[in-house]
C-alpha atoms as a PDB file:
ATOM      1  CA  MET A   1     174.294  78.873 198.311  1.00  0.00           C
ATOM      2  CA  GLU A   2     172.617  75.451 198.505  1.00  0.00           C
ATOM      3  CA  PRO A   3     173.822  72.720 196.129  1.00  0.00           C
ATOM      4  CA  ILE A   4     171.656  72.543 192.999  1.00  0.00           C
ATOM      5  CA  LYS A   5     171.013  69.331 191.059  1.00  0.00           C
ATOM      6  CA  ILE A   6     172.190  69.636 187.476  1.00  0.00           C
ATOM      7  CA  VAL A   7     172.878  67.518 184.428  1.00  0.00           C
ATOM      8  CA  VAL A   8     175.660  68.907 182.256  1.00  0.00           C
ATOM      9  CA  ARG A   9     175.529  67.937 178.585  1.00  0.00           C
ATOM     10  CA  TYR A  10     178.608  68.480 176.441  1.00  0.00           C
ATOM     11  CA  THR A  11     178.475  69.109 172.716  1.00  0.00           C
ATOM     12  CA  ASP A  12     180.394  65.842 172.207  1.00  0.00           C
ATOM     13  CA  GLY A  13     177.656  63.835 173.945  1.00  0.00           C
ATOM     14  CA  ARG A  14     179.252  63.395 177.365  1.00  0.00           C
ATOM     15  CA  THR A  15     177.066  63.908 180.433  1.00  0.00           C
ATOM     16  CA  ILE A  16     177.867  64.723 184.049  1.00  0.00           C
ATOM     17  CA  LYS A  17     175.230  64.528 186.780  1.00  0.00           C
ATOM     18  CA  GLY A  18     175.949  66.335 190.000  1.00  0.00           C
ATOM     19  CA  TYR A  19     175.641  69.363 192.199  1.00  0.00           C
ATOM     20  CA  THR A  20     176.804  72.923 191.721  1.00  0.00           C
ATOM     21  CA  GLN A  21     176.965  75.912 194.000  1.00  0.00           C
ATOM     22  CA  ASN A  22     178.671  78.390 191.717  1.00  0.00           C
ATOM     23  CA  PHE A  23     176.991  78.345 188.301  1.00  0.00           C
ATOM     24  CA  LEU A  24     176.596  81.857 186.919  1.00  0.00           C
ATOM     25  CA  PRO A  25     175.710  82.384 183.243  1.00  0.00           C
ATOM     26  CA  ASN A  26     178.126  85.302 182.890  1.00  0.00           C
ATOM     27  CA  LYS A  27     181.159  83.288 184.072  1.00  0.00           C
ATOM     28  CA  PRO A  28     183.250  81.087 181.731  1.00  0.00           C
ATOM     29  CA  SER A  29     183.354  78.123 184.133  1.00  0.00           C
ATOM     30  CA  PHE A  30     181.787  76.562 187.210  1.00  0.00           C
ATOM     31  CA  HIS A  31     182.281  73.464 189.375  1.00  0.00           C
ATOM     32  CA  VAL A  32     180.278  70.247 189.599  1.00  0.00           C
ATOM     33  CA  ARG A  33     180.495  67.628 192.320  1.00  0.00           C
ATOM     34  CA  PRO A  34     179.414  64.349 190.716  1.00  0.00           C
ATOM     35  CA  PHE A  35     176.342  62.887 192.446  1.00  0.00           C
ATOM     36  CA  ASP A  36     178.152  59.591 192.986  1.00  0.00           C
ATOM     37  CA  ALA A  37     181.436  61.120 194.234  1.00  0.00           C
ATOM     38  CA  ALA A  38     182.946  59.266 197.186  1.00  0.00           C
ATOM     39  CA  ASN A  39     184.543  62.451 198.499  1.00  0.00           C
ATOM     40  CA  ILE A  40     182.301  65.452 199.205  1.00  0.00           C
ATOM     41  CA  ASN A  41     185.186  67.753 198.198  1.00  0.00           C
ATOM     42  CA  GLU A  42     185.624  66.108 194.782  1.00  0.00           C
ATOM     43  CA  SER A  43     184.611  68.414 191.957  1.00  0.00           C
ATOM     44  CA  ALA A  44     185.291  69.081 188.292  1.00  0.00           C
ATOM     45  CA  GLU A  45     185.726  72.471 186.677  1.00  0.00           C
ATOM     46  CA  ILE A  46     183.373  72.806 183.703  1.00  0.00           C
ATOM     47  CA  GLN A  47     184.040  75.216 180.849  1.00  0.00           C
ATOM     48  CA  ILE A  48     180.784  76.633 179.491  1.00  0.00           C
ATOM     49  CA  ASN A  49     182.170  76.848 175.925  1.00  0.00           C
ATOM     50  CA  ASP A  50     182.397  73.021 175.839  1.00  0.00           C
ATOM     51  CA  LEU A  51     178.704  72.563 176.649  1.00  0.00           C
ATOM     52  CA  LYS A  52     175.411  72.086 174.915  1.00  0.00           C
ATOM     53  CA  ALA A  53     173.364  72.968 177.989  1.00  0.00           C
ATOM     54  CA  VAL A  54     173.094  72.830 181.766  1.00  0.00           C
ATOM     55  CA  PHE A  55     169.826  71.228 182.903  1.00  0.00           C
ATOM     56  CA  PHE A  56     168.518  72.039 186.372  1.00  0.00           C
ATOM     57  CA  VAL A  57     166.644  68.878 187.330  1.00  0.00           C
ATOM     58  CA  GLN A  58     164.296  67.473 189.939  1.00  0.00           C
ATOM     59  CA  ASP A  59     166.272  64.227 190.198  1.00  0.00           C
ATOM     60  CA  PHE A  60     169.158  62.461 188.488  1.00  0.00           C
ATOM     61  CA  THR A  61     167.298  59.439 187.184  1.00  0.00           C
ATOM     62  CA  GLY A  62     164.260  61.087 185.645  1.00  0.00           C
ATOM     63  CA  ASN A  63     161.906  58.757 183.800  1.00  0.00           C
ATOM     64  CA  PRO A  64     163.567  57.380 180.661  1.00  0.00           C
ATOM     65  CA  GLY A  65     160.211  56.179 179.313  1.00  0.00           C
ATOM     66  CA  TYR A  66     158.484  59.530 179.768  1.00  0.00           C
ATOM     67  CA  LYS A  67     157.556  61.327 176.536  1.00  0.00           C
ATOM     68  CA  GLU A  68     157.911  65.048 177.174  1.00  0.00           C
ATOM     69  CA  ASN A  69     154.924  67.171 176.174  1.00  0.00           C
ATOM     70  CA  LYS A  70     156.009  69.719 173.566  1.00  0.00           C
ATOM     71  CA  GLN A  71     152.686  71.563 173.454  1.00  0.00           C
ATOM     72  CA  LEU A  72     151.580  74.264 175.859  1.00  0.00           C
ATOM     73  CA  PRO A  73     148.696  72.981 178.022  1.00  0.00           C
ATOM     74  CA  GLU A  74     145.431  74.644 177.027  1.00  0.00           C
ATOM     75  CA  GLY A  75     144.693  77.787 179.015  1.00  0.00           C
ATOM     76  CA  LYS A  76     148.284  78.167 180.248  1.00  0.00           C
ATOM     77  CA  LYS A  77     150.300  81.290 179.521  1.00  0.00           C
ATOM     78  CA  PRO A  78     153.965  80.967 180.466  1.00  0.00           C
ATOM     79  CA  PRO A  79     156.056  83.940 181.535  1.00  0.00           C
ATOM     80  CA  GLY A  80     158.206  85.402 178.778  1.00  0.00           C
ATOM     81  CA  ARG A  81     158.151  84.323 175.162  1.00  0.00           C
ATOM     82  CA  MET A  82     157.696  80.834 173.801  1.00  0.00           C
ATOM     83  CA  VAL A  83     160.643  79.524 171.812  1.00  0.00           C
ATOM     84  CA  GLU A  84     161.584  76.382 169.957  1.00  0.00           C
ATOM     85  CA  VAL A  85     165.286  75.621 170.258  1.00  0.00           C
ATOM     86  CA  THR A  86     166.907  73.244 167.778  1.00  0.00           C
ATOM     87  CA  PHE A  87     170.353  72.107 168.839  1.00  0.00           C
ATOM     88  CA  LYS A  88     173.095  71.250 166.361  1.00  0.00           C
ATOM     89  CA  ASP A  89     172.674  67.561 167.319  1.00  0.00           C
ATOM     90  CA  GLY A  90     168.995  67.685 166.264  1.00  0.00           C
ATOM     91  CA  GLU A  91     167.374  67.743 169.714  1.00  0.00           C
ATOM     92  CA  VAL A  92     164.452  70.164 170.003  1.00  0.00           C
ATOM     93  CA  MET A  93     163.320  71.901 173.206  1.00  0.00           C
ATOM     94  CA  ILE A  94     160.225  74.051 173.563  1.00  0.00           C
ATOM     95  CA  GLY A  95     159.721  76.425 176.446  1.00  0.00           C
ATOM     96  CA  SER A  96     159.588  80.004 177.549  1.00  0.00           C
ATOM     97  CA  THR A  97     162.442  82.442 177.933  1.00  0.00           C
ATOM     98  CA  MET A  98     162.751  85.858 179.465  1.00  0.00           C
ATOM     99  CA  GLY A  99     166.099  86.740 177.986  1.00  0.00           C
ATOM    100  CA  TYR A 100     166.941  85.338 174.590  1.00  0.00           C
ATOM    101  CA  ASP A 101     169.396  87.522 172.727  1.00  0.00           C
ATOM    102  CA  PRO A 102     171.377  85.937 169.876  1.00  0.00           C
ATOM    103  CA  LYS A 103     174.366  88.139 170.785  1.00  0.00           C
ATOM    104  CA  ARG A 104     174.702  86.597 174.259  1.00  0.00           C
ATOM    105  CA  PRO A 105     176.637  83.410 174.985  1.00  0.00           C
ATOM    106  CA  GLY A 106     173.526  81.656 176.269  1.00  0.00           C
ATOM    107  CA  PHE A 107     170.047  81.943 177.743  1.00  0.00           C
ATOM    108  CA  PHE A 108     167.654  80.239 180.126  1.00  0.00           C
ATOM    109  CA  ILE A 109     164.613  78.300 178.986  1.00  0.00           C
ATOM    110  CA  PHE A 110     161.764  76.960 181.123  1.00  0.00           C
ATOM    111  CA  PRO A 111     160.314  73.795 179.567  1.00  0.00           C
ATOM    112  CA  ILE A 112     156.551  73.843 179.056  1.00  0.00           C
ATOM    113  CA  ASP A 113     155.945  70.335 180.408  1.00  0.00           C
ATOM    114  CA  PRO A 114     155.330  70.639 184.172  1.00  0.00           C
ATOM    115  CA  LEU A 115     155.670  66.858 184.568  1.00  0.00           C
ATOM    116  CA  GLY A 116     159.118  66.668 182.971  1.00  0.00           C
ATOM    117  CA  ASN A 117     162.311  66.324 184.974  1.00  0.00           C
ATOM    118  CA  ASN A 118     163.866  69.607 183.768  1.00  0.00           C
ATOM    119  CA  LEU A 119     162.997  72.627 185.880  1.00  0.00           C
ATOM    120  CA  ARG A 120     164.956  74.981 183.622  1.00  0.00           C
ATOM    121  CA  ALA A 121     167.968  74.849 181.349  1.00  0.00           C
ATOM    122  CA  TYR A 122     170.792  77.160 180.437  1.00  0.00           C
ATOM    123  CA  ILE A 123     171.289  76.807 176.694  1.00  0.00           C
ATOM    124  CA  VAL A 124     174.762  77.549 175.304  1.00  0.00           C
ATOM    125  CA  ALA A 125     174.258  79.582 172.137  1.00  0.00           C
ATOM    126  CA  GLN A 126     177.110  78.008 170.139  1.00  0.00           C
ATOM    127  CA  ALA A 127     175.423  74.572 170.514  1.00  0.00           C
ATOM    128  CA  VAL A 128     172.214  75.846 168.904  1.00  0.00           C
ATOM    129  CA  ASN A 129     171.305  75.580 165.245  1.00  0.00           C
ATOM    130  CA  ASN A 130     168.114  77.633 165.394  1.00  0.00           C
ATOM    131  CA  VAL A 131     165.850  79.519 167.803  1.00  0.00           C
ATOM    132  CA  ARG A 132     162.408  80.546 166.689  1.00  0.00           C
ATOM    133  CA  TYR A 133     159.517  82.165 168.503  1.00  0.00           C
ATOM    134  CA  VAL A 134     156.350  80.055 168.616  1.00  0.00           C
END
């Protein structure tokens, strides 16, 4: 499996940017090699229960000044169902999901803004305050 660029966000606000090759949503942990690690074999084990979300990104810097579009572009129909996710820290994400089930430990969301840095995100259910269909 090729390394995938991710940004890991903890519920306590910490962030790790790096690469993973073993993230699976049905496993309790995975490994991340920090993007700035001096040693290619350096990695950290991440416990999913400690996280807010895992963001699969285009690059690690993104565009801090970019204002993400939270409205579906006119004429576009995303796969799955549109949801608005409100995290316990107040952040709101809007996107489509194919597999939201409140009984599961998490779910994937595909942001609606094609120009944003996030390609998809795995949302950890215990970090969410509310999910509503839009």
